Amino acid sequence: MTHVLAVANETVAGHALTEALTHRAAAGELRVSLVCPVNAPREGYVVYRDTRRAAARRRLDKTLALLLESGIAADGYVVDTDPADAVRDALEQLEPPVDEIVVSTHPEQKSGWLRRHVIERIEKVAGGLPVEHVVVDLDREGGEANVLVIANETVLGDVLLDRIRSRAARSPASFMLVCPQSAPETFPHPDAERRLRRALAALRGAGIDAHGQIAHPDPYTAAMHAVQDERVDEIIVSTFPGKTKSSWLRKDVVTRLRDATKLPVEHVEVEPELVGAEAT
């Protein structure tokens, strides 16, 4: 029996990865151990790991079901470690010993793992085991889109939540809500965290795949960090209306993000009185 360790996060349910594994099964008896490292934000910011783990577990279960239907013995784990560390731990703990490693990522232009040289780092900890890199292009496969939502005081606005619900109804999508912290010198951020929890609860209660975090106080920087760290297909920026009410608009955040990311950026305006907030 050949024991393959497969390492993937958002691409774990991609057709290219499952095809690579089923192709190996055609050559002989195969056992697959799937490991899904959960993406972590940059150090110092609050992340709601329960929602990220739930999303990773859902993707993992989908792939495990496909492999089991194909007669392949498979199990899987969601872990909170760096991909290279996850491989090191798996090689020490899995039985029978691993014979081969398959690492699945997004294409280069959308892969945070490739920007962090994850493949090379895994090869270093593999101890001479063969490592194959499988590229999964979810755009071509018709997989769910990753939508980045940047909002702070307006995150609970009905206009924004309705826009997210409308986008979720249009085609499969996962939403990452990033709330730039209002006061960088203050930690923790109970008001921002309370708003974010309520927004996530409302969206997840409607069956929408959503997770979120408190991030860098500058909205442009917070968004660019997210784009660098994860695959982002679309961006929604929520502000108060007009430059007189919105400091984000005075900083031209929407246009700057369109120019820097080359991604579709939608702007949603929420009146302060609709969220009980003071415009800043």
Protein backbone atom coordinates (compact mmCIF):
# COMPACT_ATOMS: atom_id res chain seq x y z
CA MET A 1 0.00 0.00 0.00
CA THR A 2 1.21 3.50 -0.88
CA HIS A 3 0.57 6.14 1.76
CA VAL A 4 0.20 9.67 0.37
CA LEU A 5 0.14 12.79 2.54
CA ALA A 6 -1.88 15.52 0.80
CA VAL A 7 -1.58 19.09 2.06
CA ALA A 8 -4.11 21.73 0.99
CA ASN A 9 -6.38 24.41 2.34
CA GLU A 10 -8.82 26.21 0.05
CA THR A 11 -7.89 23.93 -2.86
CA VAL A 12 -8.55 20.69 -0.99
CA ALA A 13 -11.87 20.23 -2.81
CA GLY A 14 -10.39 21.05 -6.20
CA HIS A 15 -10.85 18.60 -9.06
CA ALA A 16 -7.14 18.67 -9.95
CA LEU A 17 -6.19 17.40 -6.48
CA THR A 18 -8.80 14.63 -6.34
CA GLU A 19 -7.85 13.56 -9.88
CA ALA A 20 -4.18 13.37 -8.91
CA LEU A 21 -5.07 11.13 -5.97
CA THR A 22 -7.49 8.87 -7.85
CA HIS A 23 -4.89 8.49 -10.62
CA ARG A 24 -2.47 7.10 -8.04
CA ALA A 25 -5.11 4.69 -6.79
CA ALA A 26 -5.38 3.23 -10.29
CA ALA A 27 -1.75 2.13 -10.02
CA GLY A 28 -2.26 0.13 -6.81
CA GLU A 29 -3.63 0.13 -3.28
CA LEU A 30 -3.59 3.64 -1.84
CA ARG A 31 -4.11 5.32 1.51
CA VAL A 32 -4.49 9.12 1.68
CA SER A 33 -4.03 11.36 4.70
CA LEU A 34 -5.32 14.88 4.04
CA VAL A 35 -4.06 17.77 6.15
CA CYS A 36 -5.68 21.22 5.95
CA PRO A 37 -3.66 23.97 7.66
CA VAL A 38 -5.94 26.86 8.60
CA ASN A 39 -4.76 30.22 7.27
CA ALA A 40 -3.71 32.55 10.06
CA PRO A 41 -3.70 36.35 9.90
CA ARG A 42 -0.65 38.47 10.45
CA GLU A 43 0.56 38.38 14.04
CA GLY A 44 -1.20 40.62 16.50
CA TYR A 45 -4.71 40.63 15.06
CA VAL A 46 -7.79 38.82 16.32
CA VAL A 47 -9.01 35.93 14.20
CA TYR A 48 -12.10 33.84 14.73
CA ARG A 49 -10.57 30.45 14.22
CA ASP A 50 -13.83 28.60 14.81
CA THR A 51 -15.30 29.97 11.59
CA ARG A 52 -12.12 29.34 9.61
CA ARG A 53 -11.85 25.81 10.94
CA ALA A 54 -15.50 25.15 10.07
CA ALA A 55 -14.92 26.30 6.49
CA ALA A 56 -11.78 24.16 6.20
CA ARG A 57 -13.59 21.14 7.67
CA ARG A 58 -16.44 21.52 5.17
CA ARG A 59 -14.03 21.52 2.22
CA LEU A 60 -12.09 18.60 3.69
CA ASP A 61 -15.21 16.48 4.25
CA LYS A 62 -16.25 17.03 0.63
CA THR A 63 -12.96 15.63 -0.64
CA LEU A 64 -12.94 12.74 1.82
CA ALA A 65 -16.40 11.75 0.60
CA LEU A 66 -15.23 11.77 -3.03
CA LEU A 67 -12.18 9.65 -2.23
CA LEU A 68 -14.17 7.15 -0.19
CA GLU A 69 -16.72 6.85 -3.01
CA SER A 70 -13.79 5.96 -5.28
CA GLY A 71 -12.75 3.16 -2.92
CA ILE A 72 -9.71 5.01 -1.55
CA ALA A 73 -8.95 4.72 2.16
CA ALA A 74 -8.71 8.30 3.38
CA ASP A 75 -8.80 10.36 6.54
CA GLY A 76 -8.15 14.03 7.20
CA TYR A 77 -7.35 16.69 9.76
CA VAL A 78 -7.73 20.44 10.13
CA VAL A 79 -4.70 21.91 11.91
CA ASP A 80 -3.73 25.37 13.16
CA THR A 81 -0.12 25.29 12.05
CA ASP A 82 2.02 26.50 9.18
CA PRO A 83 1.92 24.09 6.19
CA ALA A 84 5.58 23.07 6.54
CA ASP A 85 5.14 22.50 10.28
CA ALA A 86 1.98 20.49 9.56
CA VAL A 87 3.98 18.23 7.23
CA ARG A 88 6.75 17.78 9.80
CA ASP A 89 4.21 16.81 12.47
CA ALA A 90 2.36 14.45 10.13
CA LEU A 91 5.55 12.64 9.10
CA GLU A 92 6.36 12.05 12.77
CA GLN A 93 2.89 10.86 13.76
CA LEU A 94 1.22 9.09 10.83
CA GLU A 95 1.16 5.31 10.50
CA PRO A 96 2.00 3.64 8.24
CA PRO A 97 4.91 5.88 7.22
CA VAL A 98 4.27 8.33 4.40
CA ASP A 99 5.68 7.40 0.99
CA GLU A 100 4.88 10.56 -0.94
CA ILE A 101 3.65 14.13 -0.38
CA VAL A 102 1.24 16.04 -2.61
CA VAL A 103 0.87 19.79 -2.02
CA SER A 104 -2.03 21.64 -3.62
CA THR A 105 -2.08 25.41 -4.14
CA HIS A 106 -3.82 28.09 -6.13
CA PRO A 107 -2.08 29.33 -9.29
CA GLU A 108 0.94 31.53 -8.64
CA GLN A 109 -0.85 34.85 -9.01
CA LYS A 110 -3.38 33.95 -6.28
CA SER A 111 -1.41 31.72 -3.93
CA GLY A 112 -0.28 33.01 -0.56
CA TRP A 113 1.52 29.70 -0.02
CA LEU A 114 3.64 30.19 -3.14
CA ARG A 115 4.44 33.75 -2.11
CA ARG A 116 5.67 32.33 1.21
CA HIS A 117 7.72 29.62 -0.56
CA VAL A 118 5.74 26.82 1.09
CA ILE A 119 6.66 24.18 -1.53
CA GLU A 120 10.39 24.71 -0.99
CA ARG A 121 9.96 24.65 2.78
CA ILE A 122 7.98 21.40 2.63
CA GLU A 123 10.67 19.85 0.43
CA LYS A 124 13.22 20.67 3.13
CA VAL A 125 11.25 18.89 5.87
CA ALA A 126 10.25 15.95 3.63
CA GLY A 127 13.45 14.08 4.34
CA GLY A 128 13.95 13.00 0.73
CA LEU A 129 10.35 11.91 0.11
CA PRO A 130 8.99 12.87 -3.32
CA VAL A 131 6.93 16.06 -3.23
CA GLU A 132 4.48 16.85 -6.04
CA HIS A 133 2.93 20.28 -6.50
CA VAL A 134 -0.62 20.25 -7.87
CA VAL A 135 -2.07 23.57 -9.04
CA VAL A 136 -5.83 23.97 -8.59
CA ASP A 137 -7.43 26.80 -10.56
CA LEU A 138 -10.79 27.22 -8.87
CA ASP A 139 -11.78 29.92 -11.36
CA ARG A 140 -11.64 27.39 -14.20
CA GLU A 141 -13.17 24.65 -12.09
CA GLY A 142 -16.11 26.83 -11.13
CA GLY A 143 -15.29 26.73 -7.42
CA GLU A 144 -16.57 29.24 -4.89
CA ALA A 145 -15.20 32.77 -4.98
CA ASN A 146 -13.41 34.37 -2.06
CA VAL A 147 -14.91 37.78 -1.33
CA LEU A 148 -13.04 40.19 0.95
CA VAL A 149 -15.28 42.61 2.84
CA ILE A 150 -13.65 45.68 4.41
CA ALA A 151 -15.88 47.45 6.95
CA ASN A 152 -15.69 48.88 10.46
CA GLU A 153 -18.60 50.81 11.99
CA THR A 154 -20.76 49.88 8.99
CA VAL A 155 -20.26 46.12 9.26
CA LEU A 156 -23.71 45.69 10.84
CA GLY A 157 -25.47 47.90 8.30
CA ASP A 158 -28.44 46.20 6.66
CA VAL A 159 -27.38 47.59 3.29
CA LEU A 160 -24.02 45.81 3.54
CA LEU A 161 -25.43 42.55 4.94
CA ASP A 162 -28.11 42.51 2.23
CA ARG A 163 -25.44 43.04 -0.42
CA ILE A 164 -23.45 40.09 0.97
CA ARG A 165 -26.58 37.91 0.99
CA SER A 166 -27.31 38.94 -2.59
CA ARG A 167 -23.78 38.06 -3.67
CA ALA A 168 -23.98 34.70 -1.92
CA ALA A 169 -27.23 33.91 -3.72
CA ARG A 170 -25.72 34.70 -7.13
CA SER A 171 -22.99 32.02 -7.09
CA PRO A 172 -20.96 30.02 -4.54
CA ALA A 173 -18.83 32.34 -2.41
CA SER A 174 -16.99 32.55 0.89
CA PHE A 175 -16.75 35.90 2.69
CA MET A 176 -13.88 37.20 4.80
CA LEU A 177 -14.91 40.22 6.87
CA VAL A 178 -11.96 42.41 7.87
CA CYS A 179 -12.61 45.20 10.36
CA PRO A 180 -9.75 47.71 10.67
CA GLN A 181 -9.32 48.55 14.35
CA SER A 182 -10.49 52.05 15.28
CA ALA A 183 -7.84 52.78 17.90
CA PRO A 184 -4.49 51.09 17.19
CA GLU A 185 -3.14 51.99 20.63
CA THR A 186 -5.97 50.11 22.36
CA PHE A 187 -6.08 46.33 22.76
CA PRO A 188 -8.39 44.46 22.88
CA HIS A 189 -11.05 46.06 20.68
CA PRO A 190 -14.36 45.06 22.32
CA ASP A 191 -16.63 47.32 20.22
CA ALA A 192 -15.16 46.18 16.89
CA GLU A 193 -15.15 42.55 17.99
CA ARG A 194 -18.77 42.77 19.15
CA ARG A 195 -19.87 44.22 15.81
CA LEU A 196 -17.91 41.60 13.90
CA ARG A 197 -19.32 38.71 15.94
CA ARG A 198 -22.87 39.94 15.36
CA ALA A 199 -22.30 40.33 11.63
CA LEU A 200 -20.78 36.87 11.35
CA ALA A 201 -23.62 35.34 13.36
CA ALA A 202 -26.19 36.95 11.08
CA LEU A 203 -24.49 35.74 7.92
CA ARG A 204 -23.71 32.23 9.14
CA GLY A 205 -27.26 31.95 10.46
CA ALA A 206 -28.38 32.51 6.88
CA GLY A 207 -26.17 29.64 5.71
CA ILE A 208 -23.40 31.88 4.35
CA ASP A 209 -19.76 30.81 4.68
CA ALA A 210 -18.22 33.77 6.50
CA HIS A 211 -15.29 34.40 8.82
CA GLY A 212 -13.53 37.51 10.00
CA GLN A 213 -10.85 39.31 11.93
CA ILE A 214 -9.84 42.65 13.42
CA ALA A 215 -6.99 44.05 11.36
CA HIS A 216 -4.61 46.94 10.73
CA PRO A 217 -6.21 50.34 11.45
CA ASP A 218 -5.61 51.63 7.92
CA PRO A 219 -8.27 50.06 5.64
CA TYR A 220 -6.04 50.04 2.55
CA THR A 221 -3.21 48.32 4.44
CA ALA A 222 -5.64 45.84 6.03
CA ALA A 223 -7.06 44.94 2.63
CA MET A 224 -3.64 44.59 1.01
CA HIS A 225 -2.46 42.33 3.84
CA ALA A 226 -5.45 40.07 3.19
CA VAL A 227 -4.83 40.05 -0.57
CA GLN A 228 -1.19 39.11 0.02
CA ASP A 229 -1.99 36.40 2.58
CA GLU A 230 -4.94 34.70 0.91
CA ARG A 231 -6.72 34.18 -2.39
CA VAL A 232 -9.11 37.08 -2.97
CA ASP A 233 -11.36 37.24 -6.05
CA GLU A 234 -13.56 40.22 -5.22
CA ILE A 235 -13.59 43.06 -2.71
CA ILE A 236 -16.49 44.88 -1.08
CA VAL A 237 -15.66 48.11 0.74
CA SER A 238 -18.31 49.54 3.05
CA THR A 239 -18.16 53.18 4.16
CA PHE A 240 -20.32 56.05 5.32
CA PRO A 241 -21.57 58.10 2.35
CA GLY A 242 -19.52 60.99 0.99
CA LYS A 243 -16.11 62.36 1.88
CA THR A 244 -17.57 64.66 4.53
CA LYS A 245 -18.73 61.63 6.52
CA SER A 246 -16.13 59.01 5.57
CA SER A 247 -12.43 59.29 6.29
CA TRP A 248 -11.94 56.21 4.10
CA LEU A 249 -13.33 58.06 1.10
CA ARG A 250 -11.18 61.07 1.88
CA LYS A 251 -8.22 58.66 1.67
CA ASP A 252 -9.55 57.38 -1.68
CA VAL A 253 -9.43 53.79 -0.42
CA VAL A 254 -11.82 52.36 -3.03
CA THR A 255 -9.92 53.69 -6.04
CA ARG A 256 -6.54 52.79 -4.56
CA LEU A 257 -7.65 49.19 -4.01
CA ARG A 258 -8.98 48.92 -7.57
CA ASP A 259 -5.69 50.23 -8.95
CA ALA A 260 -3.46 48.10 -6.70
CA THR A 261 -5.28 44.76 -6.86
CA LYS A 262 -6.85 44.84 -10.36
CA LEU A 263 -9.79 43.02 -8.74
CA PRO A 264 -13.49 43.90 -8.90
CA VAL A 265 -14.09 46.34 -6.02
CA GLU A 266 -17.65 47.20 -5.05
CA HIS A 267 -18.42 50.20 -2.85
CA VAL A 268 -21.38 50.01 -0.45
CA GLU A 269 -22.50 53.12 1.47
CA VAL A 270 -24.26 52.88 4.82
CA GLU A 271 -25.78 55.88 6.60
CA PRO A 272 -24.42 56.38 10.17
CA GLU A 273 -27.89 56.56 11.70
CA LEU A 274 -28.70 53.10 10.31
CA VAL A 275 -25.94 51.51 12.39
CA GLY A 276 -26.03 53.82 15.41
CA ALA A 277 -22.51 55.07 14.69
CA GLU A 278 -20.85 58.44 14.50
CA ALA A 279 -19.25 59.17 11.15
CA THR A 280 -15.48 59.56 11.24
